[in-house]
Amino acid sequence: MTGAELILIRHAFGLGRREFAVLLGYTGEPRNSWITIKRYETGDREIPPTIERLVKLLRWYHHTTGATPDFETDLEVA
């Protein structure tokens, strides 16, 4: 996956870099998450294989359902 592809996918979700990082499970300082996503998108840092797989799964989910998963509520056990 290239940085340009990552940008297109992020835009398809309608998310900024911080929000996209949270969707991918990044925690900590929002600025650090923003910078990490920026580095992936610009090619300054290689996109890790696990992140690439997760992004592909999220893209498939979004394409199939038309929604972005909300991991905070979607994972609650009844």
N, C-alpha and C. Protein backbone atom coordinates (compact mmCIF):
# COMPACT_ATOMS: atom_id res chain seq x y z
N MET A 1 0.85 -1.17 0.00
CA MET A 1 0.00 0.00 0.00
C MET A 1 0.90 1.23 0.00
N THR A 2 0.53 2.19 -0.81
CA THR A 2 1.30 3.43 -0.89
C THR A 2 0.66 4.49 -0.01
N GLY A 3 1.41 5.53 0.23
CA GLY A 3 0.89 6.65 1.00
C GLY A 3 -0.30 7.30 0.30
N ALA A 4 -0.23 7.38 -1.03
CA ALA A 4 -1.34 7.98 -1.79
C ALA A 4 -2.62 7.15 -1.63
N GLU A 5 -2.48 5.83 -1.62
CA GLU A 5 -3.65 4.97 -1.40
C GLU A 5 -4.21 5.18 -0.01
N LEU A 6 -3.33 5.32 0.96
CA LEU A 6 -3.77 5.55 2.33
C LEU A 6 -4.55 6.86 2.44
N ILE A 7 -4.07 7.89 1.77
CA ILE A 7 -4.77 9.17 1.77
C ILE A 7 -6.17 9.01 1.18
N LEU A 8 -6.27 8.32 0.05
CA LEU A 8 -7.58 8.13 -0.58
C LEU A 8 -8.54 7.36 0.33
N ILE A 9 -8.03 6.35 1.01
CA ILE A 9 -8.88 5.58 1.92
C ILE A 9 -9.31 6.44 3.10
N ARG A 10 -8.39 7.20 3.66
CA ARG A 10 -8.74 8.08 4.78
C ARG A 10 -9.80 9.08 4.37
N HIS A 11 -9.65 9.64 3.18
CA HIS A 11 -10.63 10.60 2.68
C HIS A 11 -11.99 9.94 2.44
N ALA A 12 -11.97 8.68 1.98
CA ALA A 12 -13.22 7.95 1.77
C ALA A 12 -13.98 7.79 3.08
N PHE A 13 -13.25 7.65 4.18
CA PHE A 13 -13.88 7.58 5.50
C PHE A 13 -14.32 8.95 5.99
N GLY A 14 -13.81 9.99 5.36
CA GLY A 14 -14.15 11.35 5.79
C GLY A 14 -13.49 11.73 7.10
N LEU A 15 -12.29 11.20 7.33
CA LEU A 15 -11.59 11.43 8.59
C LEU A 15 -10.32 12.24 8.40
N GLY A 16 -10.00 13.02 9.42
CA GLY A 16 -8.72 13.69 9.47
C GLY A 16 -7.67 12.69 9.95
N ARG A 17 -6.44 13.13 9.98
CA ARG A 17 -5.35 12.23 10.38
C ARG A 17 -5.51 11.74 11.82
N ARG A 18 -5.89 12.63 12.73
CA ARG A 18 -6.05 12.22 14.13
C ARG A 18 -7.15 11.19 14.29
N GLU A 19 -8.28 11.47 13.66
CA GLU A 19 -9.42 10.56 13.77
C GLU A 19 -9.11 9.20 13.14
N PHE A 20 -8.40 9.24 12.03
CA PHE A 20 -8.02 8.00 11.35
C PHE A 20 -7.07 7.18 12.23
N ALA A 21 -6.14 7.86 12.89
CA ALA A 21 -5.21 7.18 13.79
C ALA A 21 -5.97 6.51 14.94
N VAL A 22 -6.97 7.19 15.48
CA VAL A 22 -7.78 6.60 16.55
C VAL A 22 -8.52 5.37 16.03
N LEU A 23 -9.07 5.46 14.81
CA LEU A 23 -9.76 4.31 14.22
C LEU A 23 -8.81 3.12 14.09
N LEU A 24 -7.55 3.39 13.79
CA LEU A 24 -6.56 2.32 13.65
C LEU A 24 -6.03 1.82 14.99
N GLY A 25 -6.43 2.47 16.08
CA GLY A 25 -6.05 2.00 17.40
C GLY A 25 -4.87 2.71 18.02
N TYR A 26 -4.40 3.80 17.39
CA TYR A 26 -3.30 4.55 17.98
C TYR A 26 -3.79 5.29 19.22
N THR A 27 -2.98 5.27 20.25
CA THR A 27 -3.30 5.97 21.49
C THR A 27 -2.17 6.93 21.81
N GLY A 28 -2.37 7.71 22.83
CA GLY A 28 -1.34 8.65 23.23
C GLY A 28 -1.67 10.05 22.76
N GLU A 29 -0.65 10.84 22.64
CA GLU A 29 -0.83 12.24 22.25
C GLU A 29 -1.37 12.35 20.83
N PRO A 30 -2.45 13.12 20.64
CA PRO A 30 -3.02 13.28 19.30
C PRO A 30 -2.00 13.79 18.27
N ARG A 31 -1.10 14.67 18.69
CA ARG A 31 -0.09 15.20 17.76
C ARG A 31 0.81 14.08 17.24
N ASN A 32 1.18 13.16 18.11
CA ASN A 32 2.05 12.06 17.69
C ASN A 32 1.33 11.15 16.69
N SER A 33 0.05 10.89 16.94
CA SER A 33 -0.73 10.06 16.01
C SER A 33 -0.85 10.76 14.66
N TRP A 34 -1.10 12.07 14.68
CA TRP A 34 -1.23 12.85 13.45
C TRP A 34 0.06 12.76 12.64
N ILE A 35 1.19 12.91 13.31
CA ILE A 35 2.49 12.87 12.64
C ILE A 35 2.76 11.48 12.07
N THR A 36 2.40 10.43 12.81
CA THR A 36 2.61 9.07 12.32
C THR A 36 1.84 8.83 11.03
N ILE A 37 0.57 9.22 10.99
CA ILE A 37 -0.24 9.04 9.78
C ILE A 37 0.34 9.88 8.65
N LYS A 38 0.78 11.10 8.95
CA LYS A 38 1.39 11.95 7.92
C LYS A 38 2.63 11.28 7.34
N ARG A 39 3.44 10.68 8.18
CA ARG A 39 4.67 10.03 7.71
C ARG A 39 4.34 8.83 6.81
N TYR A 40 3.29 8.09 7.15
CA TYR A 40 2.85 7.00 6.28
C TYR A 40 2.41 7.55 4.92
N GLU A 41 1.63 8.62 4.96
CA GLU A 41 1.06 9.17 3.73
C GLU A 41 2.11 9.80 2.83
N THR A 42 3.14 10.39 3.40
CA THR A 42 4.17 11.05 2.60
C THR A 42 5.30 10.11 2.20
N GLY A 43 5.28 8.90 2.75
CA GLY A 43 6.33 7.94 2.43
C GLY A 43 7.57 8.09 3.27
N ASP A 44 7.51 8.95 4.29
CA ASP A 44 8.66 9.11 5.19
C ASP A 44 8.84 7.88 6.07
N ARG A 45 7.77 7.13 6.25
CA ARG A 45 7.82 5.90 7.04
C ARG A 45 7.01 4.84 6.31
N GLU A 46 7.54 3.63 6.29
CA GLU A 46 6.84 2.52 5.64
C GLU A 46 5.60 2.15 6.46
N ILE A 47 4.52 1.85 5.76
CA ILE A 47 3.29 1.43 6.43
C ILE A 47 3.49 0.00 6.90
N PRO A 48 3.37 -0.25 8.22
CA PRO A 48 3.57 -1.61 8.73
C PRO A 48 2.53 -2.57 8.13
N PRO A 49 2.93 -3.82 7.91
CA PRO A 49 2.00 -4.80 7.32
C PRO A 49 0.71 -4.96 8.11
N THR A 50 0.78 -4.90 9.43
CA THR A 50 -0.44 -5.06 10.22
C THR A 50 -1.40 -3.88 10.03
N ILE A 51 -0.85 -2.68 9.89
CA ILE A 51 -1.68 -1.50 9.64
C ILE A 51 -2.28 -1.59 8.25
N GLU A 52 -1.49 -2.03 7.28
CA GLU A 52 -2.00 -2.19 5.92
C GLU A 52 -3.17 -3.17 5.89
N ARG A 53 -3.03 -4.30 6.58
CA ARG A 53 -4.11 -5.29 6.63
C ARG A 53 -5.36 -4.71 7.29
N LEU A 54 -5.16 -4.00 8.39
CA LEU A 54 -6.30 -3.40 9.08
C LEU A 54 -7.00 -2.39 8.19
N VAL A 55 -6.24 -1.56 7.50
CA VAL A 55 -6.84 -0.56 6.61
C VAL A 55 -7.63 -1.25 5.50
N LYS A 56 -7.08 -2.33 4.95
CA LYS A 56 -7.80 -3.07 3.91
C LYS A 56 -9.09 -3.67 4.44
N LEU A 57 -9.07 -4.20 5.65
CA LEU A 57 -10.29 -4.74 6.26
C LEU A 57 -11.32 -3.63 6.51
N LEU A 58 -10.85 -2.49 7.00
CA LEU A 58 -11.75 -1.37 7.25
C LEU A 58 -12.35 -0.85 5.94
N ARG A 59 -11.52 -0.82 4.89
CA ARG A 59 -12.01 -0.38 3.59
C ARG A 59 -13.08 -1.34 3.08
N TRP A 60 -12.85 -2.65 3.23
CA TRP A 60 -13.83 -3.65 2.82
C TRP A 60 -15.12 -3.47 3.62
N TYR A 61 -15.00 -3.31 4.93
CA TYR A 61 -16.17 -3.13 5.79
C TYR A 61 -16.95 -1.90 5.37
N HIS A 62 -16.24 -0.81 5.15
CA HIS A 62 -16.88 0.45 4.75
C HIS A 62 -17.57 0.30 3.40
N HIS A 63 -16.92 -0.36 2.46
CA HIS A 63 -17.49 -0.57 1.13
C HIS A 63 -18.73 -1.47 1.20
N THR A 64 -18.68 -2.48 2.06
CA THR A 64 -19.77 -3.44 2.17
C THR A 64 -20.98 -2.88 2.90
N THR A 65 -20.73 -2.17 4.00
CA THR A 65 -21.83 -1.70 4.84
C THR A 65 -22.16 -0.23 4.65
N GLY A 66 -21.22 0.53 4.11
CA GLY A 66 -21.42 1.97 3.97
C GLY A 66 -21.18 2.72 5.27
N ALA A 67 -20.65 2.04 6.26
CA ALA A 67 -20.42 2.65 7.57
C ALA A 67 -18.98 2.44 8.01
N THR A 68 -18.56 3.30 8.91
CA THR A 68 -17.26 3.13 9.54
C THR A 68 -17.51 2.50 10.90
N PRO A 69 -16.82 1.43 11.24
CA PRO A 69 -17.10 0.78 12.52
C PRO A 69 -16.78 1.68 13.70
N ASP A 70 -17.62 1.57 14.71
CA ASP A 70 -17.39 2.29 15.96
C ASP A 70 -16.95 1.24 16.97
N PHE A 71 -15.66 1.12 17.15
CA PHE A 71 -15.12 0.06 17.99
C PHE A 71 -15.49 0.25 19.46
N GLU A 72 -15.83 1.44 19.85
CA GLU A 72 -16.20 1.67 21.24
C GLU A 72 -17.54 1.02 21.59
N THR A 73 -18.50 1.05 20.65
CA THR A 73 -19.82 0.48 20.94
C THR A 73 -20.06 -0.83 20.21
N ASP A 74 -19.43 -1.03 19.05
CA ASP A 74 -19.66 -2.25 18.27
C ASP A 74 -19.09 -3.49 18.94
N LEU A 75 -18.16 -3.34 19.85
CA LEU A 75 -17.52 -4.49 20.47
C LEU A 75 -18.11 -4.85 21.83
N GLU A 76 -19.12 -4.11 22.25
CA GLU A 76 -19.73 -4.40 23.54
C GLU A 76 -20.44 -5.75 23.48
N VAL A 77 -20.27 -6.52 24.52
CA VAL A 77 -20.89 -7.83 24.60
C VAL A 77 -22.20 -7.69 25.37
N ALA A 78 -23.24 -8.29 24.83
CA ALA A 78 -24.56 -8.16 25.47
C ALA A 78 -24.69 -9.07 26.66
